[in-house]
Amino acid sequence: MTVSTTPFLEGRRAIDYHGVVVGEANPGADVVRDLFGGRSDTRTEELGKARTTALREMEDHARARGGNAVVGADLDDKVINNMLMVSASGTAVTIAQE
């Protein structure tokens, strides 16, 4: 599945829009401690895994709605109540196969 941060895929035509799709990952409270505790290897690895999980979940939601691509994708990470939350969002579309 193609995922792009741009609002369209240059040279390719979206033939249907399926709405906003979201994926989320919550790797746990220990990661928050590591963020401020200086264990950068753990932080980098866990953030990477969380981003991958959020993107895959977003892609799964896009497929479930009939899309074959996501445009306008955005990744965001926040600490909420001492827990790290990573989210991915975008618009599911069907791109014409050429």
N, C-alpha and C. Protein backbone atom coordinates (compact mmCIF):
# COMPACT_ATOMS: atom_id res chain seq x y z
N MET A 1 0.85 -1.17 0.00
CA MET A 1 0.00 0.00 0.00
C MET A 1 0.89 1.23 0.00
N THR A 2 0.52 2.20 -0.83
CA THR A 2 1.24 3.47 -0.87
C THR A 2 0.70 4.39 0.22
N VAL A 3 1.61 4.97 1.00
CA VAL A 3 1.25 5.96 2.01
C VAL A 3 2.08 7.19 1.73
N SER A 4 1.41 8.34 1.61
CA SER A 4 2.10 9.58 1.29
C SER A 4 1.65 10.71 2.20
N THR A 5 2.59 11.57 2.56
CA THR A 5 2.25 12.75 3.35
C THR A 5 1.64 13.85 2.49
N THR A 6 1.76 13.72 1.18
CA THR A 6 1.19 14.73 0.29
C THR A 6 -0.30 14.49 0.10
N PRO A 7 -1.06 15.52 -0.31
CA PRO A 7 -2.50 15.37 -0.46
C PRO A 7 -2.92 14.58 -1.71
N PHE A 8 -1.98 14.28 -2.58
CA PHE A 8 -2.26 13.48 -3.77
C PHE A 8 -0.97 12.80 -4.20
N LEU A 9 -1.10 11.83 -5.10
CA LEU A 9 0.07 11.14 -5.64
C LEU A 9 0.30 11.65 -7.05
N GLU A 10 1.39 12.35 -7.24
CA GLU A 10 1.66 12.97 -8.53
C GLU A 10 1.67 11.94 -9.66
N GLY A 11 0.92 12.26 -10.71
CA GLY A 11 0.86 11.39 -11.87
C GLY A 11 -0.11 10.23 -11.72
N ARG A 12 -0.77 10.14 -10.58
CA ARG A 12 -1.73 9.05 -10.35
C ARG A 12 -3.05 9.67 -9.94
N ARG A 13 -4.14 9.04 -10.36
CA ARG A 13 -5.47 9.61 -10.15
C ARG A 13 -6.24 8.85 -9.08
N ALA A 14 -6.73 9.61 -8.10
CA ALA A 14 -7.61 9.02 -7.08
C ALA A 14 -9.01 8.92 -7.68
N ILE A 15 -9.56 7.71 -7.69
CA ILE A 15 -10.89 7.52 -8.28
C ILE A 15 -11.98 7.41 -7.22
N ASP A 16 -11.57 7.27 -5.95
CA ASP A 16 -12.55 7.21 -4.87
C ASP A 16 -11.89 7.59 -3.56
N TYR A 17 -12.64 8.28 -2.72
CA TYR A 17 -12.17 8.67 -1.39
C TYR A 17 -13.00 7.92 -0.36
N HIS A 18 -12.32 7.37 0.66
CA HIS A 18 -13.00 6.51 1.64
C HIS A 18 -13.01 7.10 3.05
N GLY A 19 -12.54 8.30 3.20
CA GLY A 19 -12.58 8.96 4.50
C GLY A 19 -11.29 8.85 5.29
N VAL A 20 -11.33 9.44 6.47
CA VAL A 20 -10.17 9.47 7.35
C VAL A 20 -9.95 8.10 8.00
N VAL A 21 -8.70 7.69 8.04
CA VAL A 21 -8.32 6.45 8.71
C VAL A 21 -7.24 6.76 9.73
N VAL A 22 -7.25 6.01 10.83
CA VAL A 22 -6.33 6.26 11.93
C VAL A 22 -5.75 4.94 12.42
N GLY A 23 -4.53 4.98 12.85
CA GLY A 23 -3.89 3.85 13.53
C GLY A 23 -3.22 4.38 14.78
N GLU A 24 -3.22 3.58 15.83
CA GLU A 24 -2.63 4.03 17.09
C GLU A 24 -1.78 2.92 17.71
N ALA A 25 -0.79 3.35 18.46
CA ALA A 25 0.06 2.42 19.21
C ALA A 25 0.37 3.05 20.55
N ASN A 26 0.39 2.22 21.58
CA ASN A 26 0.69 2.67 22.93
C ASN A 26 1.73 1.72 23.51
N PRO A 27 3.02 2.04 23.34
CA PRO A 27 4.05 1.10 23.78
C PRO A 27 4.22 0.96 25.28
N GLY A 28 3.60 1.81 26.08
CA GLY A 28 3.62 1.61 27.53
C GLY A 28 4.35 2.69 28.30
N ALA A 29 4.18 2.63 29.60
CA ALA A 29 4.71 3.66 30.49
C ALA A 29 6.22 3.61 30.60
N ASP A 30 6.84 2.45 30.46
CA ASP A 30 8.29 2.37 30.60
C ASP A 30 9.00 3.22 29.55
N VAL A 31 8.41 3.35 28.38
CA VAL A 31 9.02 4.15 27.33
C VAL A 31 9.07 5.61 27.77
N VAL A 32 8.04 6.08 28.45
CA VAL A 32 8.03 7.46 28.92
C VAL A 32 9.17 7.68 29.90
N ARG A 33 9.38 6.75 30.80
CA ARG A 33 10.50 6.85 31.73
C ARG A 33 11.81 6.91 30.96
N ASP A 34 11.94 6.09 29.93
CA ASP A 34 13.15 6.07 29.13
C ASP A 34 13.35 7.38 28.37
N LEU A 35 12.23 8.00 27.94
CA LEU A 35 12.35 9.27 27.23
C LEU A 35 13.08 10.30 28.06
N PHE A 36 12.80 10.32 29.35
CA PHE A 36 13.38 11.33 30.23
C PHE A 36 14.53 10.77 31.05
N GLY A 37 14.79 9.48 30.94
CA GLY A 37 15.86 8.85 31.70
C GLY A 37 17.16 8.71 30.92
N GLY A 38 17.14 9.08 29.66
CA GLY A 38 18.37 9.11 28.89
C GLY A 38 18.74 7.81 28.18
N ARG A 39 17.89 6.82 28.18
CA ARG A 39 18.21 5.57 27.47
C ARG A 39 17.78 5.70 26.03
N SER A 40 18.61 6.38 25.23
CA SER A 40 18.21 6.74 23.87
C SER A 40 18.04 5.55 22.94
N ASP A 41 18.82 4.47 23.13
CA ASP A 41 18.67 3.30 22.25
C ASP A 41 17.29 2.70 22.41
N THR A 42 16.84 2.55 23.65
CA THR A 42 15.51 2.01 23.91
C THR A 42 14.44 2.93 23.34
N ARG A 43 14.59 4.21 23.58
CA ARG A 43 13.62 5.18 23.10
C ARG A 43 13.49 5.12 21.59
N THR A 44 14.61 5.15 20.91
CA THR A 44 14.59 5.14 19.45
C THR A 44 13.95 3.86 18.92
N GLU A 45 14.32 2.74 19.50
CA GLU A 45 13.77 1.45 19.06
C GLU A 45 12.26 1.37 19.31
N GLU A 46 11.83 1.75 20.51
CA GLU A 46 10.41 1.67 20.86
C GLU A 46 9.57 2.66 20.05
N LEU A 47 10.08 3.86 19.84
CA LEU A 47 9.35 4.82 19.01
C LEU A 47 9.21 4.31 17.59
N GLY A 48 10.28 3.71 17.06
CA GLY A 48 10.23 3.14 15.72
C GLY A 48 9.19 2.03 15.61
N LYS A 49 9.17 1.15 16.60
CA LYS A 49 8.17 0.07 16.60
C LYS A 49 6.76 0.62 16.70
N ALA A 50 6.58 1.62 17.56
CA ALA A 50 5.25 2.20 17.73
C ALA A 50 4.78 2.89 16.45
N ARG A 51 5.67 3.59 15.77
CA ARG A 51 5.30 4.24 14.51
C ARG A 51 4.92 3.21 13.45
N THR A 52 5.70 2.14 13.37
CA THR A 52 5.40 1.07 12.41
C THR A 52 4.04 0.46 12.71
N THR A 53 3.76 0.20 13.98
CA THR A 53 2.47 -0.38 14.38
C THR A 53 1.33 0.56 14.01
N ALA A 54 1.48 1.85 14.30
CA ALA A 54 0.42 2.82 13.99
C ALA A 54 0.19 2.91 12.48
N LEU A 55 1.26 2.93 11.69
CA LEU A 55 1.11 2.98 10.23
C LEU A 55 0.44 1.73 9.69
N ARG A 56 0.83 0.57 10.19
CA ARG A 56 0.21 -0.69 9.72
C ARG A 56 -1.28 -0.73 10.06
N GLU A 57 -1.62 -0.27 11.26
CA GLU A 57 -3.03 -0.24 11.65
C GLU A 57 -3.82 0.71 10.75
N MET A 58 -3.23 1.87 10.44
CA MET A 58 -3.88 2.82 9.54
C MET A 58 -4.08 2.19 8.15
N GLU A 59 -3.06 1.51 7.65
CA GLU A 59 -3.17 0.84 6.35
C GLU A 59 -4.26 -0.23 6.38
N ASP A 60 -4.34 -0.99 7.46
CA ASP A 60 -5.39 -2.01 7.59
C ASP A 60 -6.78 -1.38 7.53
N HIS A 61 -6.95 -0.24 8.19
CA HIS A 61 -8.24 0.45 8.16
C HIS A 61 -8.55 0.96 6.75
N ALA A 62 -7.52 1.43 6.05
CA ALA A 62 -7.73 1.89 4.67
C ALA A 62 -8.17 0.74 3.77
N ARG A 63 -7.51 -0.43 3.90
CA ARG A 63 -7.91 -1.60 3.12
C ARG A 63 -9.34 -2.02 3.44
N ALA A 64 -9.69 -1.99 4.72
CA ALA A 64 -11.04 -2.39 5.14
C ALA A 64 -12.10 -1.48 4.54
N ARG A 65 -11.75 -0.25 4.25
CA ARG A 65 -12.70 0.69 3.64
C ARG A 65 -12.65 0.64 2.11
N GLY A 66 -11.78 -0.20 1.56
CA GLY A 66 -11.71 -0.35 0.11
C GLY A 66 -10.61 0.45 -0.55
N GLY A 67 -9.74 1.08 0.22
CA GLY A 67 -8.66 1.89 -0.34
C GLY A 67 -7.43 1.07 -0.69
N ASN A 68 -6.61 1.61 -1.57
CA ASN A 68 -5.34 0.99 -1.89
C ASN A 68 -4.17 1.96 -1.66
N ALA A 69 -4.48 3.11 -1.05
CA ALA A 69 -3.46 4.11 -0.72
C ALA A 69 -3.99 5.02 0.38
N VAL A 70 -3.06 5.72 1.02
CA VAL A 70 -3.42 6.73 2.01
C VAL A 70 -2.67 7.99 1.64
N VAL A 71 -3.38 9.11 1.53
CA VAL A 71 -2.75 10.40 1.26
C VAL A 71 -2.94 11.32 2.46
N GLY A 72 -2.12 12.36 2.51
CA GLY A 72 -2.20 13.29 3.63
C GLY A 72 -1.84 12.66 4.95
N ALA A 73 -0.96 11.65 4.93
CA ALA A 73 -0.61 10.92 6.15
C ALA A 73 0.18 11.81 7.11
N ASP A 74 -0.09 11.60 8.40
CA ASP A 74 0.58 12.36 9.45
C ASP A 74 0.86 11.43 10.62
N LEU A 75 2.05 11.54 11.19
CA LEU A 75 2.41 10.79 12.39
C LEU A 75 2.54 11.77 13.55
N ASP A 76 2.03 11.37 14.70
CA ASP A 76 2.10 12.23 15.87
C ASP A 76 2.39 11.38 17.09
N ASP A 77 3.24 11.85 17.97
CA ASP A 77 3.46 11.14 19.22
C ASP A 77 3.32 12.12 20.38
N LYS A 78 2.67 11.65 21.43
CA LYS A 78 2.38 12.47 22.60
C LYS A 78 2.49 11.61 23.85
N VAL A 79 2.74 12.28 24.96
CA VAL A 79 2.69 11.62 26.25
C VAL A 79 1.39 12.06 26.92
N ILE A 80 0.54 11.07 27.23
CA ILE A 80 -0.75 11.32 27.87
C ILE A 80 -0.80 10.49 29.14
N ASN A 81 -0.98 11.15 30.28
CA ASN A 81 -1.02 10.44 31.57
C ASN A 81 0.17 9.50 31.76
N ASN A 82 1.36 10.01 31.45
CA ASN A 82 2.61 9.26 31.58
C ASN A 82 2.71 8.05 30.67
N MET A 83 1.91 8.02 29.61
CA MET A 83 2.00 6.92 28.64
C MET A 83 2.20 7.53 27.25
N LEU A 84 3.07 6.90 26.48
CA LEU A 84 3.34 7.35 25.13
C LEU A 84 2.24 6.86 24.20
N MET A 85 1.73 7.75 23.36
CA MET A 85 0.73 7.40 22.35
C MET A 85 1.26 7.88 21.00
N VAL A 86 1.31 6.97 20.05
CA VAL A 86 1.71 7.30 18.69
C VAL A 86 0.51 7.07 17.80
N SER A 87 0.19 8.07 16.97
CA SER A 87 -0.95 7.90 16.06
C SER A 87 -0.54 8.26 14.64
N ALA A 88 -1.19 7.60 13.71
CA ALA A 88 -1.02 7.87 12.28
C ALA A 88 -2.41 8.12 11.73
N SER A 89 -2.53 9.13 10.89
CA SER A 89 -3.84 9.41 10.29
C SER A 89 -3.64 9.87 8.85
N GLY A 90 -4.68 9.71 8.07
CA GLY A 90 -4.64 10.13 6.67
C GLY A 90 -5.99 9.85 6.03
N THR A 91 -6.05 10.05 4.73
CA THR A 91 -7.27 9.81 3.97
C THR A 91 -7.09 8.58 3.09
N ALA A 92 -7.97 7.61 3.26
CA ALA A 92 -7.94 6.40 2.42
C ALA A 92 -8.50 6.73 1.05
N VAL A 93 -7.79 6.32 0.01
CA VAL A 93 -8.23 6.55 -1.36
C VAL A 93 -8.03 5.29 -2.18
N THR A 94 -8.72 5.24 -3.31
CA THR A 94 -8.45 4.22 -4.32
C THR A 94 -7.76 4.93 -5.46
N ILE A 95 -6.57 4.47 -5.78
CA ILE A 95 -5.79 5.03 -6.88
C ILE A 95 -6.01 4.14 -8.10
N ALA A 96 -6.29 4.79 -9.25
CA ALA A 96 -6.49 4.05 -10.49
C ALA A 96 -5.23 3.27 -10.83
N GLN A 97 -5.40 2.02 -11.19
CA GLN A 97 -4.27 1.18 -11.61
C GLN A 97 -4.01 1.43 -13.09
N GLU A 98 -2.81 1.82 -13.38
CA GLU A 98 -2.49 2.16 -14.79
C GLU A 98 -1.44 1.24 -15.35
